[in-house]
C-alpha atoms as a PDB file:
ATOM      1  CA  MET A   1      65.884 103.353 131.690  1.00  0.00           C
ATOM      2  CA  ARG A   2      63.500 105.163 134.661  1.00  0.00           C
ATOM      3  CA  ALA A   3      66.624 105.860 136.380  1.00  0.00           C
ATOM      4  CA  LEU A   4      68.451 107.779 133.116  1.00  0.00           C
ATOM      5  CA  HIS A   5      65.095 109.957 132.839  1.00  0.00           C
ATOM      6  CA  ALA A   6      65.169 110.689 136.548  1.00  0.00           C
ATOM      7  CA  VAL A   7      68.232 112.599 136.422  1.00  0.00           C
ATOM      8  CA  PRO A   8      67.269 115.453 134.390  1.00  0.00           C
ATOM      9  CA  LEU A   9      64.161 115.602 136.382  1.00  0.00           C
ATOM     10  CA  LEU A  10      66.138 115.482 139.609  1.00  0.00           C
ATOM     11  CA  LEU A  11      68.648 118.463 137.947  1.00  0.00           C
ATOM     12  CA  LEU A  12      65.453 120.757 137.914  1.00  0.00           C
ATOM     13  CA  VAL A  13      64.178 120.057 141.329  1.00  0.00           C
ATOM     14  CA  GLY A  14      67.561 120.352 142.756  1.00  0.00           C
ATOM     15  CA  CYS A  15      68.254 123.934 140.738  1.00  0.00           C
ATOM     16  CA  ALA A  16      64.489 125.321 141.471  1.00  0.00           C
ATOM     17  CA  GLY A  17      64.813 129.263 143.302  1.00  0.00           C
ATOM     18  CA  ARG A  18      68.502 129.306 142.286  1.00  0.00           C
ATOM     19  CA  SER A  19      69.155 131.368 138.720  1.00  0.00           C
ATOM     20  CA  ALA A  20      71.603 128.528 136.907  1.00  0.00           C
ATOM     21  CA  ILE A  21      72.757 128.126 133.601  1.00  0.00           C
ATOM     22  CA  LEU A  22      73.347 124.573 132.428  1.00  0.00           C
ATOM     23  CA  LEU A  23      75.743 124.338 129.344  1.00  0.00           C
ATOM     24  CA  PRO A  24      77.038 121.820 127.759  1.00  0.00           C
ATOM     25  CA  ALA A  25      80.089 119.860 128.945  1.00  0.00           C
ATOM     26  CA  ASP A  26      82.428 120.927 126.300  1.00  0.00           C
ATOM     27  CA  SER A  27      81.242 124.223 126.516  1.00  0.00           C
ATOM     28  CA  THR A  28      83.564 126.834 127.374  1.00  0.00           C
ATOM     29  CA  PRO A  29      82.304 130.571 128.633  1.00  0.00           C
ATOM     30  CA  GLU A  30      84.294 131.861 125.022  1.00  0.00           C
ATOM     31  CA  GLY A  31      81.810 129.802 123.112  1.00  0.00           C
ATOM     32  CA  ALA A  32      78.783 130.083 124.841  1.00  0.00           C
ATOM     33  CA  MET A  33      78.814 133.702 124.214  1.00  0.00           C
ATOM     34  CA  PRO A  34      77.711 134.775 120.847  1.00  0.00           C
ATOM     35  CA  GLY A  35      79.801 137.881 119.466  1.00  0.00           C
ATOM     36  CA  ASN A  36      83.172 137.197 121.328  1.00  0.00           C
ATOM     37  CA  LYS A  37      86.536 138.017 119.257  1.00  0.00           C
ATOM     38  CA  THR A  38      88.319 135.274 118.420  1.00  0.00           C
ATOM     39  CA  PRO A  39      91.309 134.841 120.841  1.00  0.00           C
ATOM     40  CA  HIS A  40      94.847 135.290 120.014  1.00  0.00           C
ATOM     41  CA  VAL A  41      97.089 132.042 119.066  1.00  0.00           C
ATOM     42  CA  ASP A  42     100.835 132.663 118.682  1.00  0.00           C
ATOM     43  CA  VAL A  43     102.709 132.045 115.804  1.00  0.00           C
ATOM     44  CA  PRO A  44     106.330 131.879 114.494  1.00  0.00           C
ATOM     45  CA  PHE A  45     107.084 134.552 112.485  1.00  0.00           C
ATOM     46  CA  VAL A  46     109.913 135.349 109.948  1.00  0.00           C
ATOM     47  CA  ASP A  47     111.265 138.319 108.493  1.00  0.00           C
ATOM     48  CA  GLY A  48     110.356 139.307 105.309  1.00  0.00           C
ATOM     49  CA  PRO A  49     111.320 142.635 103.571  1.00  0.00           C
ATOM     50  CA  ALA A  50     112.911 145.519 105.029  1.00  0.00           C
ATOM     51  CA  ILE A  51     110.354 148.677 105.152  1.00  0.00           C
ATOM     52  CA  ALA A  52     112.243 150.605 103.595  1.00  0.00           C
ATOM     53  CA  ASP A  53     112.694 147.976 100.141  1.00  0.00           C
ATOM     54  CA  PRO A  54     111.352 149.513  97.441  1.00  0.00           C
ATOM     55  CA  GLY A  55     109.624 145.872  96.847  1.00  0.00           C
ATOM     56  CA  LEU A  56     107.531 146.048 100.045  1.00  0.00           C
ATOM     57  CA  LEU A  57     104.109 147.262  98.714  1.00  0.00           C
ATOM     58  CA  ALA A  58     104.080 144.458  96.122  1.00  0.00           C
ATOM     59  CA  TRP A  59     105.465 141.834  98.535  1.00  0.00           C
ATOM     60  CA  LEU A  60     102.415 142.892 100.753  1.00  0.00           C
ATOM     61  CA  GLU A  61     100.112 142.606  98.197  1.00  0.00           C
ATOM     62  CA  ALA A  62     101.300 139.211  97.354  1.00  0.00           C
ATOM     63  CA  ASN A  63     100.545 138.292 100.681  1.00  0.00           C
ATOM     64  CA  ARG A  64      97.545 139.280 101.148  1.00  0.00           C
ATOM     65  CA  ALA A  65      96.387 135.855 102.263  1.00  0.00           C
ATOM     66  CA  HIS A  66      99.024 135.603 105.153  1.00  0.00           C
ATOM     67  CA  LEU A  67      99.344 136.798 108.794  1.00  0.00           C
ATOM     68  CA  LEU A  68     102.066 139.955 108.975  1.00  0.00           C
ATOM     69  CA  GLN A  69     103.788 141.535 111.733  1.00  0.00           C
ATOM     70  CA  LEU A  70     104.120 145.318 110.859  1.00  0.00           C
ATOM     71  CA  PRO A  71     105.779 148.237 112.778  1.00  0.00           C
ATOM     72  CA  VAL A  72     103.992 150.881 112.591  1.00  0.00           C
ATOM     73  CA  VAL A  73     104.432 154.859 113.569  1.00  0.00           C
ATOM     74  CA  VAL A  74     101.236 156.697 114.490  1.00  0.00           C
ATOM     75  CA  ASP A  75     101.093 160.103 114.537  1.00  0.00           C
ATOM     76  CA  PHE A  76      98.489 161.375 117.600  1.00  0.00           C
ATOM     77  CA  ASP A  77      96.402 164.749 116.112  1.00  0.00           C
ATOM     78  CA  ASN A  78      96.958 166.094 119.500  1.00  0.00           C
ATOM     79  CA  ASP A  79      98.882 165.668 122.188  1.00  0.00           C
ATOM     80  CA  LEU A  80      95.680 164.670 124.648  1.00  0.00           C
ATOM     81  CA  ARG A  81      95.508 161.099 122.229  1.00  0.00           C
ATOM     82  CA  GLY A  82      92.090 162.365 120.911  1.00  0.00           C
ATOM     83  CA  GLY A  83      90.337 160.698 118.280  1.00  0.00           C
ATOM     84  CA  GLY A  84      92.275 160.969 114.850  1.00  0.00           C
ATOM     85  CA  THR A  85      95.136 159.646 113.888  1.00  0.00           C
ATOM     86  CA  ARG A  86      97.704 158.947 110.944  1.00  0.00           C
ATOM     87  CA  ALA A  87     100.060 155.577 110.654  1.00  0.00           C
ATOM     88  CA  TRP A  88     103.231 154.841 108.384  1.00  0.00           C
ATOM     89  CA  LEU A  89     105.027 151.394 108.236  1.00  0.00           C
ATOM     90  CA  GLY A  90     108.242 151.750 110.008  1.00  0.00           C
ATOM     91  CA  THR A  91     109.097 153.347 113.228  1.00  0.00           C
ATOM     92  CA  GLU A  92     109.758 156.944 112.349  1.00  0.00           C
ATOM     93  CA  ALA A  93     106.934 159.560 110.537  1.00  0.00           C
ATOM     94  CA  PRO A  94     107.774 160.943 107.448  1.00  0.00           C
ATOM     95  CA  ALA A  95     109.545 164.421 107.780  1.00  0.00           C
ATOM     96  CA  ALA A  96     106.825 166.447 106.856  1.00  0.00           C
ATOM     97  CA  ALA A  97     103.939 164.003 108.287  1.00  0.00           C
ATOM     98  CA  ALA A  98     101.641 167.016 108.831  1.00  0.00           C
ATOM     99  CA  ASN A  99     101.607 167.507 105.224  1.00  0.00           C
ATOM    100  CA  ALA A 100     101.906 164.123 104.005  1.00  0.00           C
ATOM    101  CA  THR A 101      99.441 162.359 101.632  1.00  0.00           C
ATOM    102  CA  THR A 102     101.581 159.133 100.576  1.00  0.00           C
ATOM    103  CA  ASP A 103      99.155 156.443 100.733  1.00  0.00           C
ATOM    104  CA  ALA A 104      99.615 152.611  99.926  1.00  0.00           C
ATOM    105  CA  THR A 105      98.452 153.567  96.378  1.00  0.00           C
ATOM    106  CA  THR A 106     101.193 156.634  95.878  1.00  0.00           C
ATOM    107  CA  ALA A 107     103.797 155.366  97.172  1.00  0.00           C
ATOM    108  CA  ALA A 108     107.156 156.508  95.789  1.00  0.00           C
ATOM    109  CA  PRO A 109     109.217 153.618  95.183  1.00  0.00           C
ATOM    110  CA  GLY A 110     110.607 152.892  99.170  1.00  0.00           C
ATOM    111  CA  GLY A 111     108.996 155.962 100.342  1.00  0.00           C
ATOM    112  CA  PRO A 112     106.772 155.793 103.901  1.00  0.00           C
ATOM    113  CA  ILE A 113     103.523 154.096 102.978  1.00  0.00           C
ATOM    114  CA  GLU A 114     101.035 155.876 104.819  1.00  0.00           C
ATOM    115  CA  VAL A 115      98.404 153.004 105.783  1.00  0.00           C
ATOM    116  CA  ARG A 116      94.891 152.814 107.245  1.00  0.00           C
ATOM    117  CA  LEU A 117      94.570 150.793 110.423  1.00  0.00           C
ATOM    118  CA  ASP A 118      91.530 149.073 111.082  1.00  0.00           C
ATOM    119  CA  ASP A 119      91.244 147.695 114.639  1.00  0.00           C
ATOM    120  CA  SER A 120      87.498 146.245 114.167  1.00  0.00           C
ATOM    121  CA  ALA A 121      88.776 142.454 114.838  1.00  0.00           C
ATOM    122  CA  LEU A 122      90.113 143.965 118.362  1.00  0.00           C
ATOM    123  CA  GLY A 123      88.522 143.082 121.544  1.00  0.00           C
ATOM    124  CA  VAL A 124      89.881 146.555 122.894  1.00  0.00           C
ATOM    125  CA  ALA A 125      90.223 149.652 120.651  1.00  0.00           C
ATOM    126  CA  LEU A 126      93.551 150.371 119.259  1.00  0.00           C
ATOM    127  CA  ILE A 127      93.392 153.796 120.613  1.00  0.00           C
ATOM    128  CA  ASP A 128      93.494 152.319 124.114  1.00  0.00           C
ATOM    129  CA  HIS A 129      96.622 150.108 123.424  1.00  0.00           C
ATOM    130  CA  LEU A 130      98.772 153.049 122.141  1.00  0.00           C
ATOM    131  CA  ARG A 131      97.376 154.955 125.223  1.00  0.00           C
ATOM    132  CA  ARG A 132      98.586 152.527 127.371  1.00  0.00           C
ATOM    133  CA  VAL A 133     102.269 151.925 125.733  1.00  0.00           C
ATOM    134  CA  CYS A 134     102.980 155.531 124.030  1.00  0.00           C
ATOM    135  CA  PRO A 135     104.329 157.988 126.380  1.00  0.00           C
ATOM    136  CA  VAL A 136     102.394 161.164 126.916  1.00  0.00           C
ATOM    137  CA  GLY A 137     104.564 163.842 125.610  1.00  0.00           C
ATOM    138  CA  PRO A 138     105.953 162.824 121.975  1.00  0.00           C
ATOM    139  CA  ARG A 139     103.047 162.853 119.389  1.00  0.00           C
ATOM    140  CA  VAL A 140     104.174 160.016 117.567  1.00  0.00           C
ATOM    141  CA  CYS A 141     105.102 156.082 118.747  1.00  0.00           C
ATOM    142  CA  ALA A 142     105.807 153.116 117.104  1.00  0.00           C
ATOM    143  CA  VAL A 143     104.441 149.876 117.832  1.00  0.00           C
ATOM    144  CA  TRP A 144     104.241 146.307 116.440  1.00  0.00           C
ATOM    145  CA  LEU A 145     101.031 145.111 114.746  1.00  0.00           C
ATOM    146  CA  GLU A 146      99.633 141.872 113.680  1.00  0.00           C
ATOM    147  CA  GLY A 147      97.298 141.084 111.150  1.00  0.00           C
ATOM    148  CA  ARG A 148      96.549 141.083 107.634  1.00  0.00           C
ATOM    149  CA  TRP A 149      96.638 143.331 104.471  1.00  0.00           C
ATOM    150  CA  GLU A 150      93.463 144.345 102.750  1.00  0.00           C
ATOM    151  CA  ALA A 151      93.682 146.633  99.790  1.00  0.00           C
ATOM    152  CA  GLY A 152      90.810 148.010  98.096  1.00  0.00           C
ATOM    153  CA  LEU A 153      88.751 147.319 101.193  1.00  0.00           C
ATOM    154  CA  GLN A 154      86.847 150.758 102.289  1.00  0.00           C
ATOM    155  CA  ILE A 155      86.441 151.824 105.469  1.00  0.00           C
ATOM    156  CA  GLY A 156      83.948 154.044 107.085  1.00  0.00           C
ATOM    157  CA  GLY A 157      82.917 155.545 103.483  1.00  0.00           C
ATOM    158  CA  ALA A 158      86.804 156.097 102.920  1.00  0.00           C
ATOM    159  CA  ASP A 159      87.156 158.729  99.701  1.00  0.00           C
ATOM    160  CA  ASP A 160      90.385 157.780  99.417  1.00  0.00           C
ATOM    161  CA  ASP A 161      92.400 153.985  97.992  1.00  0.00           C
ATOM    162  CA  THR A 162      94.585 153.949 100.805  1.00  0.00           C
ATOM    163  CA  ALA A 163      94.693 149.787 101.809  1.00  0.00           C
ATOM    164  CA  PRO A 164      94.049 148.967 105.470  1.00  0.00           C
ATOM    165  CA  PHE A 165      96.053 146.761 107.427  1.00  0.00           C
ATOM    166  CA  ARG A 166      93.395 144.936 109.323  1.00  0.00           C
ATOM    167  CA  VAL A 167      94.900 144.927 113.046  1.00  0.00           C
ATOM    168  CA  LEU A 168      94.101 141.250 114.705  1.00  0.00           C
ATOM    169  CA  HIS A 169      96.517 141.785 117.275  1.00  0.00           C
ATOM    170  CA  PHE A 170      98.471 144.555 118.779  1.00  0.00           C
ATOM    171  CA  VAL A 171     101.719 143.143 119.743  1.00  0.00           C
ATOM    172  CA  GLY A 172     103.722 145.940 121.509  1.00  0.00           C
ATOM    173  CA  PRO A 173     106.008 149.226 121.496  1.00  0.00           C
ATOM    174  CA  ALA A 174     108.689 148.769 118.430  1.00  0.00           C
ATOM    175  CA  ASP A 175     111.889 150.254 118.343  1.00  0.00           C
ATOM    176  CA  ALA A 176     114.746 151.296 115.769  1.00  0.00           C
ATOM    177  CA  THR A 177     115.577 147.818 115.669  1.00  0.00           C
ATOM    178  CA  ALA A 178     112.350 147.215 113.594  1.00  0.00           C
ATOM    179  CA  THR A 179     112.944 147.076 109.753  1.00  0.00           C
ATOM    180  CA  HIS A 180     111.513 144.257 108.342  1.00  0.00           C
ATOM    181  CA  ALA A 181     107.974 143.170 107.796  1.00  0.00           C
ATOM    182  CA  ARG A 182     107.371 139.847 109.237  1.00  0.00           C
ATOM    183  CA  ILE A 183     105.299 136.979 107.824  1.00  0.00           C
ATOM    184  CA  GLU A 184     103.991 133.580 109.474  1.00  0.00           C
ATOM    185  CA  ALA A 185     106.058 131.048 109.191  1.00  0.00           C
ATOM    186  CA  ALA A 186     105.546 128.131 106.906  1.00  0.00           C
ATOM    187  CA  PRO A 187     103.917 125.010 108.824  1.00  0.00           C
END
């Protein structure tokens, strides 16, 4: 029994003069540090409705509890990829993007739905992902984003009812073939 008590003492004496943090055997660096973001886990997705489907908004509202992948087109406020951006579901910005005021609460059936992107769950800011994959010339860029539709949540004192899409994972660039929303496959 005394031999078991001597082991921790030997470990402490052996580490004297060294800077070391001893962690339990089942600890991982991610688990040992508070405030870390949840690591991404790949899950299978299946196609949902088309982005142009008039029932898309109702489908998004009905599937708030599910993980979704949505093609989103981002319109940068300037060519330098500075702070502000606007975003719509789909791969092309509306023709009158500069004057568009269509958000998730006022979208005409089948019309473009403007969304507020909440990237607070990402370890790297969404704008940094966009700067990495979007070419410098055009002001618009289409990407796939994974997350949850969270209607009614106000972000940063927003004065409108635009439903945010809480981005949990940056999937990558989207092209013209990105015509449908995706939903996590049932287990």
